Amino acid sequence: MSTSTLITPTSGGSRFKVILWASLALTTIFVFITSELLLITDYPMYHAYRLQVIADRHLLIPHTLAGILALVIGPINFSSRVRRRYLRLHRIFGYIYVISVFVGSFTGIALAAGRPGLPGTSMQAAAWMVCTTAAFITARNRQITVHRQWMARSYAVTFTFVSSRVLNLVPAYWSHLGDVLAAVGVIAFTLASIVLVDLGLNWRELTTRHD
């Protein structure tokens, strides 16, 4: 997930942003239809998962709502147009995003407590909160460029809640992977998302030779 264009508003960058956000939106729709929507019915492959979702609904509902808020607010607050014209709204959305991250993180950890996936979920939640806290602090200190960089990292972790579900339709993912390897997969998705963001943020320095 390259985010260098979130910082440098060029014509090529604008085109890339459109492609990037469109790709993320299509991925989200795909995951929603092929994974979450199937939970409405007792889909055979998701039967055990569906029962777990029903049992954990007291934590899962605030966790899901917080995640959706963070997922939707991110693209809005990355918009230069919104930031310029509606700065107060941008800040309000920023506060809501931060609260959503912490609610989503702590409820996620609570959902994983006592299960093999706890290490992966805890690492994901920790990375989410650290990146978001750094973004909040740099915004308060008016280090805007650095703030956007940390927000890019934070949103990359936010999107792992979607990207890590892309493989849900692969039967082997459910029947052979196992809880421990699934937790490792969550950690891998989280680290990869942050690394990709940093590659994007430093792409110019990586591809341009300084004489």
N, C-alpha and C. Protein backbone atom coordinates (compact mmCIF):
# COMPACT_ATOMS: atom_id res chain seq x y z
N MET A 1 0.86 -1.19 0.00
CA MET A 1 0.00 0.00 0.00
C MET A 1 0.89 1.22 0.00
N SER A 2 1.10 1.80 -1.15
CA SER A 2 1.99 2.95 -1.28
C SER A 2 1.25 4.22 -0.94
N THR A 3 1.83 5.06 -0.12
CA THR A 3 1.14 6.27 0.33
C THR A 3 1.97 7.52 0.06
N SER A 4 3.01 7.42 -0.77
CA SER A 4 3.79 8.60 -1.06
C SER A 4 2.94 9.68 -1.70
N THR A 5 1.89 9.25 -2.45
CA THR A 5 1.02 10.21 -3.10
C THR A 5 0.08 10.89 -2.14
N LEU A 6 -0.05 10.38 -0.95
CA LEU A 6 -0.87 11.07 0.04
C LEU A 6 -0.17 12.33 0.52
N ILE A 7 1.13 12.44 0.21
CA ILE A 7 1.92 13.54 0.72
C ILE A 7 2.32 14.51 -0.40
N THR A 8 2.51 13.99 -1.63
CA THR A 8 2.94 14.83 -2.73
C THR A 8 1.83 14.91 -3.76
N PRO A 9 1.07 16.01 -3.80
CA PRO A 9 -0.10 16.11 -4.65
C PRO A 9 0.25 16.45 -6.09
N THR A 10 0.75 15.51 -6.87
CA THR A 10 1.04 15.72 -8.28
C THR A 10 -0.08 15.12 -9.09
N SER A 11 -0.12 15.41 -10.42
CA SER A 11 -1.16 14.85 -11.27
C SER A 11 -1.05 13.34 -11.33
N GLY A 12 0.20 12.84 -11.47
CA GLY A 12 0.40 11.40 -11.44
C GLY A 12 0.01 10.82 -10.11
N GLY A 13 0.30 11.57 -9.03
CA GLY A 13 -0.05 11.13 -7.69
C GLY A 13 -1.55 11.05 -7.51
N SER A 14 -2.28 12.03 -8.09
CA SER A 14 -3.74 12.02 -7.98
C SER A 14 -4.32 10.80 -8.67
N ARG A 15 -3.75 10.44 -9.83
CA ARG A 15 -4.22 9.26 -10.54
C ARG A 15 -3.95 8.00 -9.73
N PHE A 16 -2.79 7.97 -9.11
CA PHE A 16 -2.44 6.80 -8.30
C PHE A 16 -3.37 6.69 -7.10
N LYS A 17 -3.71 7.82 -6.48
CA LYS A 17 -4.61 7.81 -5.33
C LYS A 17 -5.97 7.25 -5.70
N VAL A 18 -6.47 7.63 -6.89
CA VAL A 18 -7.76 7.12 -7.35
C VAL A 18 -7.70 5.60 -7.51
N ILE A 19 -6.63 5.12 -8.14
CA ILE A 19 -6.46 3.67 -8.34
C ILE A 19 -6.33 2.96 -7.00
N LEU A 20 -5.54 3.56 -6.10
CA LEU A 20 -5.32 2.95 -4.78
C LEU A 20 -6.62 2.81 -4.01
N TRP A 21 -7.36 3.92 -3.87
CA TRP A 21 -8.58 3.88 -3.08
C TRP A 21 -9.65 3.01 -3.74
N ALA A 22 -9.69 3.01 -5.08
CA ALA A 22 -10.65 2.16 -5.79
C ALA A 22 -10.32 0.69 -5.53
N SER A 23 -9.03 0.35 -5.52
CA SER A 23 -8.61 -1.03 -5.26
C SER A 23 -8.98 -1.46 -3.84
N LEU A 24 -8.75 -0.56 -2.89
CA LEU A 24 -9.09 -0.87 -1.50
C LEU A 24 -10.61 -1.03 -1.33
N ALA A 25 -11.37 -0.18 -2.03
CA ALA A 25 -12.83 -0.27 -1.95
C ALA A 25 -13.33 -1.58 -2.54
N LEU A 26 -12.79 -1.98 -3.68
CA LEU A 26 -13.20 -3.24 -4.32
C LEU A 26 -12.83 -4.44 -3.44
N THR A 27 -11.66 -4.37 -2.82
CA THR A 27 -11.25 -5.45 -1.91
C THR A 27 -12.20 -5.56 -0.74
N THR A 28 -12.59 -4.39 -0.18
CA THR A 28 -13.53 -4.38 0.95
C THR A 28 -14.87 -4.97 0.56
N ILE A 29 -15.38 -4.60 -0.61
CA ILE A 29 -16.67 -5.14 -1.08
C ILE A 29 -16.57 -6.64 -1.28
N PHE A 30 -15.45 -7.09 -1.88
CA PHE A 30 -15.25 -8.52 -2.11
C PHE A 30 -15.27 -9.29 -0.80
N VAL A 31 -14.53 -8.80 0.19
CA VAL A 31 -14.47 -9.49 1.48
C VAL A 31 -15.83 -9.48 2.17
N PHE A 32 -16.53 -8.36 2.09
CA PHE A 32 -17.84 -8.27 2.73
C PHE A 32 -18.81 -9.29 2.13
N ILE A 33 -18.82 -9.40 0.79
CA ILE A 33 -19.75 -10.31 0.12
C ILE A 33 -19.37 -11.77 0.35
N THR A 34 -18.08 -12.08 0.22
CA THR A 34 -17.64 -13.48 0.26
C THR A 34 -17.38 -14.00 1.67
N SER A 35 -17.32 -13.11 2.64
CA SER A 35 -17.00 -13.57 4.00
C SER A 35 -18.09 -13.19 4.98
N GLU A 36 -18.19 -11.90 5.26
CA GLU A 36 -19.10 -11.47 6.33
C GLU A 36 -20.57 -11.68 5.97
N LEU A 37 -20.94 -11.45 4.70
CA LEU A 37 -22.35 -11.59 4.31
C LEU A 37 -22.83 -13.03 4.45
N LEU A 38 -21.89 -13.99 4.28
CA LEU A 38 -22.26 -15.40 4.39
C LEU A 38 -22.60 -15.81 5.82
N LEU A 39 -22.24 -14.97 6.78
CA LEU A 39 -22.55 -15.29 8.18
C LEU A 39 -24.03 -15.14 8.50
N ILE A 40 -24.77 -14.43 7.62
CA ILE A 40 -26.21 -14.27 7.83
C ILE A 40 -26.90 -15.62 7.75
N THR A 41 -26.41 -16.47 6.83
CA THR A 41 -26.94 -17.82 6.72
C THR A 41 -25.93 -18.80 7.33
N ASP A 42 -26.39 -19.99 7.62
CA ASP A 42 -25.49 -20.98 8.22
C ASP A 42 -24.70 -21.67 7.10
N TYR A 43 -23.77 -20.92 6.52
CA TYR A 43 -22.91 -21.42 5.44
C TYR A 43 -22.02 -22.53 6.01
N PRO A 44 -22.02 -23.73 5.41
CA PRO A 44 -21.35 -24.90 6.01
C PRO A 44 -19.89 -24.65 6.40
N MET A 45 -19.10 -24.01 5.52
CA MET A 45 -17.69 -23.84 5.81
C MET A 45 -17.46 -22.90 7.00
N TYR A 46 -18.43 -21.99 7.24
CA TYR A 46 -18.27 -21.01 8.32
C TYR A 46 -19.09 -21.38 9.55
N HIS A 47 -19.58 -22.62 9.64
CA HIS A 47 -20.52 -22.97 10.71
C HIS A 47 -19.93 -22.70 12.10
N ALA A 48 -18.73 -23.23 12.37
CA ALA A 48 -18.11 -23.04 13.68
C ALA A 48 -17.82 -21.57 13.95
N TYR A 49 -17.36 -20.87 12.90
CA TYR A 49 -17.06 -19.45 13.03
C TYR A 49 -18.33 -18.65 13.33
N ARG A 50 -19.43 -19.05 12.68
CA ARG A 50 -20.70 -18.36 12.90
C ARG A 50 -21.17 -18.52 14.33
N LEU A 51 -21.05 -19.72 14.87
CA LEU A 51 -21.43 -19.96 16.27
C LEU A 51 -20.57 -19.14 17.22
N GLN A 52 -19.29 -19.01 16.89
CA GLN A 52 -18.38 -18.21 17.72
C GLN A 52 -18.78 -16.74 17.67
N VAL A 53 -19.12 -16.26 16.48
CA VAL A 53 -19.55 -14.86 16.31
C VAL A 53 -20.79 -14.58 17.15
N ILE A 54 -21.76 -15.50 17.12
CA ILE A 54 -22.99 -15.31 17.89
C ILE A 54 -22.69 -15.27 19.39
N ALA A 55 -21.80 -16.15 19.85
CA ALA A 55 -21.47 -16.22 21.27
C ALA A 55 -20.71 -14.97 21.73
N ASP A 56 -19.93 -14.39 20.85
CA ASP A 56 -19.07 -13.24 21.22
C ASP A 56 -19.67 -11.89 20.84
N ARG A 57 -20.96 -11.87 20.53
CA ARG A 57 -21.54 -10.66 19.95
C ARG A 57 -21.44 -9.44 20.87
N HIS A 58 -21.39 -9.63 22.19
CA HIS A 58 -21.31 -8.49 23.11
C HIS A 58 -19.99 -7.73 22.95
N LEU A 59 -18.94 -8.41 22.51
CA LEU A 59 -17.67 -7.75 22.22
C LEU A 59 -17.51 -7.49 20.73
N LEU A 60 -18.07 -8.38 19.93
CA LEU A 60 -17.88 -8.27 18.49
C LEU A 60 -18.60 -7.07 17.89
N ILE A 61 -19.76 -6.72 18.44
CA ILE A 61 -20.51 -5.58 17.90
C ILE A 61 -19.73 -4.28 18.05
N PRO A 62 -19.24 -3.91 19.27
CA PRO A 62 -18.44 -2.68 19.35
C PRO A 62 -17.13 -2.79 18.58
N HIS A 63 -16.54 -3.98 18.53
CA HIS A 63 -15.30 -4.18 17.77
C HIS A 63 -15.54 -3.91 16.28
N THR A 64 -16.63 -4.44 15.76
CA THR A 64 -16.94 -4.27 14.34
C THR A 64 -17.29 -2.83 14.01
N LEU A 65 -18.11 -2.20 14.86
CA LEU A 65 -18.49 -0.81 14.62
C LEU A 65 -17.27 0.11 14.65
N ALA A 66 -16.37 -0.13 15.60
CA ALA A 66 -15.15 0.69 15.70
C ALA A 66 -14.29 0.49 14.45
N GLY A 67 -14.16 -0.76 14.01
CA GLY A 67 -13.37 -1.04 12.82
C GLY A 67 -13.95 -0.40 11.57
N ILE A 68 -15.28 -0.45 11.43
CA ILE A 68 -15.92 0.16 10.27
C ILE A 68 -15.73 1.67 10.28
N LEU A 69 -15.88 2.29 11.46
CA LEU A 69 -15.66 3.74 11.56
C LEU A 69 -14.25 4.12 11.12
N ALA A 70 -13.25 3.39 11.63
CA ALA A 70 -11.87 3.68 11.26
C ALA A 70 -11.65 3.47 9.77
N LEU A 71 -12.24 2.42 9.23
CA LEU A 71 -12.08 2.09 7.82
C LEU A 71 -12.68 3.17 6.92
N VAL A 72 -13.82 3.73 7.32
CA VAL A 72 -14.50 4.74 6.50
C VAL A 72 -13.88 6.12 6.68
N ILE A 73 -13.50 6.46 7.91
CA ILE A 73 -12.95 7.79 8.19
C ILE A 73 -11.59 7.98 7.53
N GLY A 74 -10.78 6.92 7.47
CA GLY A 74 -9.44 7.03 6.90
C GLY A 74 -9.39 7.72 5.55
N PRO A 75 -10.08 7.20 4.52
CA PRO A 75 -10.04 7.84 3.20
C PRO A 75 -10.52 9.29 3.21
N ILE A 76 -11.54 9.58 4.03
CA ILE A 76 -12.06 10.95 4.10
C ILE A 76 -10.99 11.89 4.62
N ASN A 77 -10.30 11.50 5.67
CA ASN A 77 -9.30 12.37 6.29
C ASN A 77 -8.00 12.44 5.49
N PHE A 78 -7.78 11.50 4.57
CA PHE A 78 -6.62 11.61 3.69
C PHE A 78 -6.87 12.60 2.55
N SER A 79 -8.12 13.00 2.36
CA SER A 79 -8.46 13.90 1.27
C SER A 79 -7.93 15.31 1.53
N SER A 80 -7.09 15.80 0.64
CA SER A 80 -6.55 17.17 0.78
C SER A 80 -7.67 18.19 0.67
N ARG A 81 -8.66 17.91 -0.16
CA ARG A 81 -9.77 18.84 -0.34
C ARG A 81 -10.58 19.00 0.94
N VAL A 82 -10.89 17.88 1.59
CA VAL A 82 -11.63 17.93 2.86
C VAL A 82 -10.82 18.66 3.91
N ARG A 83 -9.52 18.37 3.95
CA ARG A 83 -8.66 18.98 4.96
C ARG A 83 -8.59 20.50 4.77
N ARG A 84 -8.51 20.95 3.53
CA ARG A 84 -8.42 22.39 3.27
C ARG A 84 -9.73 23.11 3.54
N ARG A 85 -10.84 22.53 3.11
CA ARG A 85 -12.13 23.22 3.19
C ARG A 85 -12.82 23.02 4.54
N TYR A 86 -12.60 21.89 5.16
CA TYR A 86 -13.34 21.56 6.38
C TYR A 86 -12.36 21.07 7.45
N LEU A 87 -11.47 21.94 7.85
CA LEU A 87 -10.42 21.56 8.80
C LEU A 87 -11.01 21.09 10.12
N ARG A 88 -12.05 21.76 10.60
CA ARG A 88 -12.67 21.37 11.87
C ARG A 88 -13.25 19.96 11.76
N LEU A 89 -13.92 19.66 10.64
CA LEU A 89 -14.47 18.33 10.42
C LEU A 89 -13.36 17.29 10.36
N HIS A 90 -12.26 17.66 9.72
CA HIS A 90 -11.09 16.78 9.64
C HIS A 90 -10.59 16.43 11.04
N ARG A 91 -10.54 17.41 11.91
CA ARG A 91 -10.07 17.16 13.28
C ARG A 91 -11.05 16.31 14.08
N ILE A 92 -12.35 16.59 13.91
CA ILE A 92 -13.36 15.80 14.61
C ILE A 92 -13.28 14.34 14.18
N PHE A 93 -13.19 14.14 12.87
CA PHE A 93 -13.05 12.78 12.35
C PHE A 93 -11.76 12.12 12.87
N GLY A 94 -10.72 12.93 13.02
CA GLY A 94 -9.46 12.41 13.55
C GLY A 94 -9.63 11.89 14.96
N TYR A 95 -10.34 12.64 15.80
CA TYR A 95 -10.59 12.19 17.18
C TYR A 95 -11.43 10.90 17.18
N ILE A 96 -12.45 10.86 16.32
CA ILE A 96 -13.29 9.66 16.24
C ILE A 96 -12.46 8.47 15.79
N TYR A 97 -11.57 8.71 14.85
CA TYR A 97 -10.69 7.63 14.35
C TYR A 97 -9.83 7.08 15.49
N VAL A 98 -9.22 7.96 16.26
CA VAL A 98 -8.36 7.53 17.37
C VAL A 98 -9.16 6.71 18.38
N ILE A 99 -10.33 7.21 18.76
CA ILE A 99 -11.17 6.47 19.72
C ILE A 99 -11.55 5.11 19.15
N SER A 100 -11.91 5.09 17.86
CA SER A 100 -12.30 3.83 17.22
C SER A 100 -11.17 2.82 17.24
N VAL A 101 -9.94 3.29 17.01
CA VAL A 101 -8.78 2.40 17.01
C VAL A 101 -8.61 1.75 18.38
N PHE A 102 -8.72 2.56 19.44
CA PHE A 102 -8.51 2.01 20.78
C PHE A 102 -9.65 1.08 21.20
N VAL A 103 -10.88 1.45 20.84
CA VAL A 103 -12.01 0.55 21.13
C VAL A 103 -11.84 -0.75 20.36
N GLY A 104 -11.51 -0.65 19.07
CA GLY A 104 -11.31 -1.84 18.25
C GLY A 104 -10.17 -2.70 18.75
N SER A 105 -9.10 -2.06 19.21
CA SER A 105 -7.93 -2.81 19.70
C SER A 105 -8.25 -3.59 20.97
N PHE A 106 -8.82 -2.92 21.95
CA PHE A 106 -9.07 -3.58 23.24
C PHE A 106 -10.16 -4.64 23.15
N THR A 107 -11.19 -4.38 22.34
CA THR A 107 -12.22 -5.41 22.17
C THR A 107 -11.67 -6.59 21.36
N GLY A 108 -10.76 -6.31 20.43
CA GLY A 108 -10.13 -7.40 19.68
C GLY A 108 -9.30 -8.30 20.57
N ILE A 109 -8.54 -7.68 21.47
CA ILE A 109 -7.74 -8.46 22.43
C ILE A 109 -8.66 -9.27 23.34
N ALA A 110 -9.75 -8.65 23.80
CA ALA A 110 -10.70 -9.35 24.67
C ALA A 110 -11.33 -10.54 23.94
N LEU A 111 -11.62 -10.38 22.65
CA LEU A 111 -12.20 -11.47 21.87
C LEU A 111 -11.22 -12.64 21.72
N ALA A 112 -9.93 -12.31 21.64
CA ALA A 112 -8.91 -13.35 21.43
C ALA A 112 -8.42 -13.97 22.73
N ALA A 113 -8.79 -13.39 23.86
CA ALA A 113 -8.30 -13.88 25.16
C ALA A 113 -8.64 -15.36 25.36
N GLY A 114 -7.62 -16.11 25.78
CA GLY A 114 -7.81 -17.53 26.02
C GLY A 114 -7.81 -18.38 24.78
N ARG A 115 -7.48 -17.80 23.63
CA ARG A 115 -7.46 -18.54 22.38
C ARG A 115 -6.08 -18.48 21.74
N PRO A 116 -5.76 -19.43 20.85
CA PRO A 116 -4.43 -19.46 20.24
C PRO A 116 -4.10 -18.20 19.42
N GLY A 117 -5.13 -17.49 18.98
CA GLY A 117 -4.89 -16.30 18.16
C GLY A 117 -4.51 -15.07 18.94
N LEU A 118 -4.43 -15.17 20.27
CA LEU A 118 -4.16 -13.99 21.10
C LEU A 118 -2.85 -13.30 20.76
N PRO A 119 -1.72 -14.01 20.57
CA PRO A 119 -0.46 -13.31 20.25
C PRO A 119 -0.55 -12.49 18.97
N GLY A 120 -1.16 -13.07 17.93
CA GLY A 120 -1.29 -12.34 16.67
C GLY A 120 -2.18 -11.12 16.81
N THR A 121 -3.32 -11.30 17.48
CA THR A 121 -4.25 -10.19 17.67
C THR A 121 -3.63 -9.09 18.53
N SER A 122 -2.90 -9.49 19.57
CA SER A 122 -2.27 -8.51 20.45
C SER A 122 -1.21 -7.70 19.71
N MET A 123 -0.44 -8.37 18.86
CA MET A 123 0.58 -7.67 18.10
C MET A 123 -0.06 -6.71 17.11
N GLN A 124 -1.12 -7.16 16.46
CA GLN A 124 -1.85 -6.31 15.51
C GLN A 124 -2.43 -5.09 16.22
N ALA A 125 -3.05 -5.31 17.38
CA ALA A 125 -3.64 -4.22 18.15
C ALA A 125 -2.57 -3.25 18.63
N ALA A 126 -1.43 -3.78 19.07
CA ALA A 126 -0.34 -2.92 19.55
C ALA A 126 0.18 -2.04 18.43
N ALA A 127 0.40 -2.62 17.26
CA ALA A 127 0.88 -1.84 16.12
C ALA A 127 -0.14 -0.78 15.73
N TRP A 128 -1.41 -1.13 15.78
CA TRP A 128 -2.50 -0.20 15.45
C TRP A 128 -2.50 0.99 16.40
N MET A 129 -2.40 0.71 17.70
CA MET A 129 -2.44 1.78 18.70
C MET A 129 -1.17 2.63 18.67
N VAL A 130 -0.01 2.00 18.47
CA VAL A 130 1.25 2.76 18.44
C VAL A 130 1.28 3.72 17.26
N CYS A 131 0.94 3.22 16.07
CA CYS A 131 0.94 4.08 14.88
C CYS A 131 -0.07 5.22 15.03
N THR A 132 -1.25 4.91 15.57
CA THR A 132 -2.29 5.93 15.73
C THR A 132 -1.90 6.96 16.78
N THR A 133 -1.30 6.51 17.88
CA THR A 133 -0.85 7.44 18.92
C THR A 133 0.23 8.36 18.38
N ALA A 134 1.16 7.81 17.60
CA ALA A 134 2.21 8.64 16.99
C ALA A 134 1.60 9.66 16.04
N ALA A 135 0.57 9.26 15.29
CA ALA A 135 -0.11 10.19 14.39
C ALA A 135 -0.80 11.30 15.17
N PHE A 136 -1.43 10.93 16.28
CA PHE A 136 -2.12 11.92 17.12
C PHE A 136 -1.14 12.93 17.72
N ILE A 137 -0.03 12.42 18.26
CA ILE A 137 0.96 13.29 18.90
C ILE A 137 1.59 14.25 17.89
N THR A 138 1.95 13.74 16.72
CA THR A 138 2.56 14.61 15.70
C THR A 138 1.57 15.64 15.18
N ALA A 139 0.28 15.30 15.15
CA ALA A 139 -0.73 16.29 14.76
C ALA A 139 -0.83 17.38 15.81
N ARG A 140 -0.83 17.00 17.09
CA ARG A 140 -0.89 17.98 18.17
C ARG A 140 0.34 18.89 18.15
N ASN A 141 1.48 18.33 17.74
CA ASN A 141 2.72 19.11 17.67
C ASN A 141 2.87 19.85 16.34
N ARG A 142 1.85 19.75 15.50
CA ARG A 142 1.81 20.40 14.19
C ARG A 142 2.96 19.97 13.28
N GLN A 143 3.39 18.73 13.45
CA GLN A 143 4.35 18.12 12.53
C GLN A 143 3.52 17.39 11.46
N ILE A 144 2.96 18.19 10.55
CA ILE A 144 1.91 17.67 9.67
C ILE A 144 2.41 16.60 8.71
N THR A 145 3.58 16.80 8.12
CA THR A 145 4.10 15.81 7.19
C THR A 145 4.32 14.47 7.88
N VAL A 146 4.93 14.53 9.07
CA VAL A 146 5.18 13.30 9.83
C VAL A 146 3.85 12.70 10.29
N HIS A 147 2.90 13.56 10.64
CA HIS A 147 1.56 13.10 11.05
C HIS A 147 0.92 12.28 9.93
N ARG A 148 1.00 12.76 8.70
CA ARG A 148 0.40 12.03 7.58
C ARG A 148 1.09 10.69 7.37
N GLN A 149 2.38 10.67 7.58
CA GLN A 149 3.11 9.41 7.43
C GLN A 149 2.65 8.38 8.45
N TRP A 150 2.50 8.81 9.69
CA TRP A 150 2.04 7.88 10.73
C TRP A 150 0.59 7.47 10.51
N MET A 151 -0.21 8.40 9.97
CA MET A 151 -1.60 8.04 9.67
C MET A 151 -1.65 7.02 8.54
N ALA A 152 -0.74 7.13 7.59
CA ALA A 152 -0.68 6.13 6.51
C ALA A 152 -0.36 4.76 7.09
N ARG A 153 0.58 4.71 8.02
CA ARG A 153 0.92 3.44 8.67
C ARG A 153 -0.27 2.91 9.48
N SER A 154 -0.92 3.82 10.22
CA SER A 154 -2.07 3.42 11.02
C SER A 154 -3.18 2.86 10.15
N TYR A 155 -3.47 3.52 9.03
CA TYR A 155 -4.55 3.05 8.17
C TYR A 155 -4.18 1.75 7.48
N ALA A 156 -2.90 1.56 7.22
CA ALA A 156 -2.46 0.28 6.64
C ALA A 156 -2.79 -0.85 7.59
N VAL A 157 -2.57 -0.63 8.90
CA VAL A 157 -2.92 -1.65 9.89
C VAL A 157 -4.45 -1.80 9.95
N THR A 158 -5.17 -0.68 9.88
CA THR A 158 -6.63 -0.75 9.85
C THR A 158 -7.10 -1.67 8.74
N PHE A 159 -6.48 -1.54 7.58
CA PHE A 159 -6.95 -2.31 6.42
C PHE A 159 -6.59 -3.79 6.50
N THR A 160 -5.69 -4.17 7.41
CA THR A 160 -5.39 -5.59 7.55
C THR A 160 -6.62 -6.36 8.04
N PHE A 161 -7.57 -5.68 8.67
CA PHE A 161 -8.79 -6.35 9.09
C PHE A 161 -9.62 -6.77 7.88
N VAL A 162 -9.37 -6.13 6.73
CA VAL A 162 -9.99 -6.54 5.48
C VAL A 162 -9.08 -7.50 4.72
N SER A 163 -7.83 -7.09 4.52
CA SER A 163 -6.91 -7.87 3.68
C SER A 163 -6.65 -9.27 4.23
N SER A 164 -6.65 -9.41 5.55
CA SER A 164 -6.39 -10.73 6.14
C SER A 164 -7.55 -11.69 5.95
N ARG A 165 -8.70 -11.19 5.46
CA ARG A 165 -9.86 -12.04 5.22
C ARG A 165 -10.03 -12.41 3.75
N VAL A 166 -9.11 -11.96 2.91
CA VAL A 166 -9.21 -12.25 1.48
C VAL A 166 -9.17 -13.75 1.21
N LEU A 167 -8.40 -14.49 2.03
CA LEU A 167 -8.23 -15.93 1.82
C LEU A 167 -9.34 -16.77 2.45
N ASN A 168 -10.37 -16.14 2.97
CA ASN A 168 -11.41 -16.89 3.67
C ASN A 168 -12.12 -17.93 2.80
N LEU A 169 -12.19 -17.68 1.51
CA LEU A 169 -12.90 -18.61 0.63
C LEU A 169 -12.06 -19.82 0.24
N VAL A 170 -10.77 -19.80 0.59
CA VAL A 170 -9.91 -20.94 0.28
C VAL A 170 -10.13 -22.01 1.35
N PRO A 171 -10.66 -23.18 0.98
CA PRO A 171 -10.98 -24.20 1.99
C PRO A 171 -9.79 -24.59 2.86
N ALA A 172 -8.60 -24.66 2.26
CA ALA A 172 -7.42 -25.05 3.03
C ALA A 172 -7.10 -24.05 4.13
N TYR A 173 -7.50 -22.82 3.92
CA TYR A 173 -7.25 -21.78 4.92
C TYR A 173 -7.99 -22.11 6.21
N TRP A 174 -9.17 -22.70 6.07
CA TRP A 174 -9.98 -23.05 7.23
C TRP A 174 -9.65 -24.44 7.77
N SER A 175 -9.41 -25.41 6.87
CA SER A 175 -9.31 -26.80 7.30
C SER A 175 -7.90 -27.25 7.67
N HIS A 176 -6.87 -26.60 7.12
CA HIS A 176 -5.51 -27.09 7.33
C HIS A 176 -4.58 -26.08 8.02
N LEU A 177 -4.94 -24.82 7.99
CA LEU A 177 -3.99 -23.82 8.48
C LEU A 177 -3.77 -23.91 9.99
N GLY A 178 -4.85 -24.04 10.75
CA GLY A 178 -4.71 -24.13 12.20
C GLY A 178 -4.64 -22.77 12.85
N ASP A 179 -4.96 -22.72 14.15
CA ASP A 179 -5.04 -21.46 14.87
C ASP A 179 -3.67 -20.77 15.00
N VAL A 180 -2.63 -21.56 15.24
CA VAL A 180 -1.31 -20.96 15.44
C VAL A 180 -0.80 -20.31 14.16
N LEU A 181 -0.92 -21.04 13.03
CA LEU A 181 -0.48 -20.47 11.75
C LEU A 181 -1.36 -19.29 11.34
N ALA A 182 -2.63 -19.32 11.70
CA ALA A 182 -3.51 -18.18 11.42
C ALA A 182 -3.02 -16.95 12.17
N ALA A 183 -2.60 -17.14 13.42
CA ALA A 183 -2.06 -16.02 14.21
C ALA A 183 -0.78 -15.49 13.58
N VAL A 184 0.06 -16.39 13.09
CA VAL A 184 1.28 -15.98 12.40
C VAL A 184 0.92 -15.19 11.14
N GLY A 185 -0.14 -15.62 10.46
CA GLY A 185 -0.59 -14.91 9.27
C GLY A 185 -1.02 -13.49 9.57
N VAL A 186 -1.71 -13.29 10.68
CA VAL A 186 -2.13 -11.94 11.09
C VAL A 186 -0.91 -11.05 11.33
N ILE A 187 0.10 -11.60 12.01
CA ILE A 187 1.33 -10.85 12.26
C ILE A 187 2.01 -10.50 10.95
N ALA A 188 2.06 -11.47 10.03
CA ALA A 188 2.70 -11.24 8.72
C ALA A 188 1.98 -10.16 7.94
N PHE A 189 0.64 -10.20 7.91
CA PHE A 189 -0.14 -9.17 7.22
C PHE A 189 0.14 -7.79 7.81
N THR A 190 0.21 -7.71 9.14
CA THR A 190 0.43 -6.43 9.81
C THR A 190 1.81 -5.85 9.48
N LEU A 191 2.83 -6.68 9.62
CA LEU A 191 4.19 -6.22 9.33
C LEU A 191 4.35 -5.85 7.86
N ALA A 192 3.77 -6.67 6.98
CA ALA A 192 3.89 -6.39 5.54
C ALA A 192 3.22 -5.07 5.18
N SER A 193 2.07 -4.78 5.79
CA SER A 193 1.36 -3.53 5.48
C SER A 193 2.19 -2.32 5.87
N ILE A 194 2.84 -2.38 7.04
CA ILE A 194 3.65 -1.26 7.50
C ILE A 194 4.89 -1.10 6.62
N VAL A 195 5.52 -2.22 6.27
CA VAL A 195 6.71 -2.17 5.41
C VAL A 195 6.37 -1.58 4.04
N LEU A 196 5.23 -2.00 3.47
CA LEU A 196 4.82 -1.48 2.16
C LEU A 196 4.58 0.02 2.21
N VAL A 197 3.97 0.48 3.31
CA VAL A 197 3.75 1.91 3.46
C VAL A 197 5.08 2.66 3.50
N ASP A 198 6.03 2.14 4.25
CA ASP A 198 7.32 2.83 4.36
C ASP A 198 8.08 2.81 3.03
N LEU A 199 7.93 1.75 2.27
CA LEU A 199 8.52 1.73 0.93
C LEU A 199 7.90 2.82 0.07
N GLY A 200 6.57 2.98 0.19
CA GLY A 200 5.90 4.03 -0.56
C GLY A 200 6.32 5.42 -0.12
N LEU A 201 6.43 5.63 1.18
CA LEU A 201 6.81 6.93 1.70
C LEU A 201 8.22 7.32 1.29
N ASN A 202 9.08 6.33 1.11
CA ASN A 202 10.49 6.60 0.78
C ASN A 202 10.83 6.19 -0.65
N TRP A 203 9.81 6.04 -1.50
CA TRP A 203 10.05 5.56 -2.86
C TRP A 203 10.98 6.46 -3.64
N ARG A 204 10.80 7.77 -3.50
CA ARG A 204 11.64 8.71 -4.25
C ARG A 204 13.10 8.57 -3.85
N GLU A 205 13.34 8.46 -2.55
CA GLU A 205 14.71 8.31 -2.07
C GLU A 205 15.31 6.96 -2.49
N LEU A 206 14.46 5.96 -2.59
CA LEU A 206 14.94 4.63 -2.97
C LEU A 206 15.25 4.51 -4.46
N THR A 207 14.58 5.33 -5.27
CA THR A 207 14.71 5.20 -6.72
C THR A 207 15.48 6.34 -7.37
N THR A 208 15.88 7.34 -6.59
CA THR A 208 16.59 8.49 -7.16
C THR A 208 18.00 8.57 -6.58
N ARG A 209 18.97 8.65 -7.46
CA ARG A 209 20.36 8.76 -7.01
C ARG A 209 20.70 10.22 -6.76
N HIS A 210 21.24 10.52 -5.61
CA HIS A 210 21.63 11.89 -5.26
C HIS A 210 23.09 12.13 -5.64
N ASP A 211 23.30 13.09 -6.55
CA ASP A 211 24.65 13.40 -7.01
C ASP A 211 25.32 14.42 -6.09
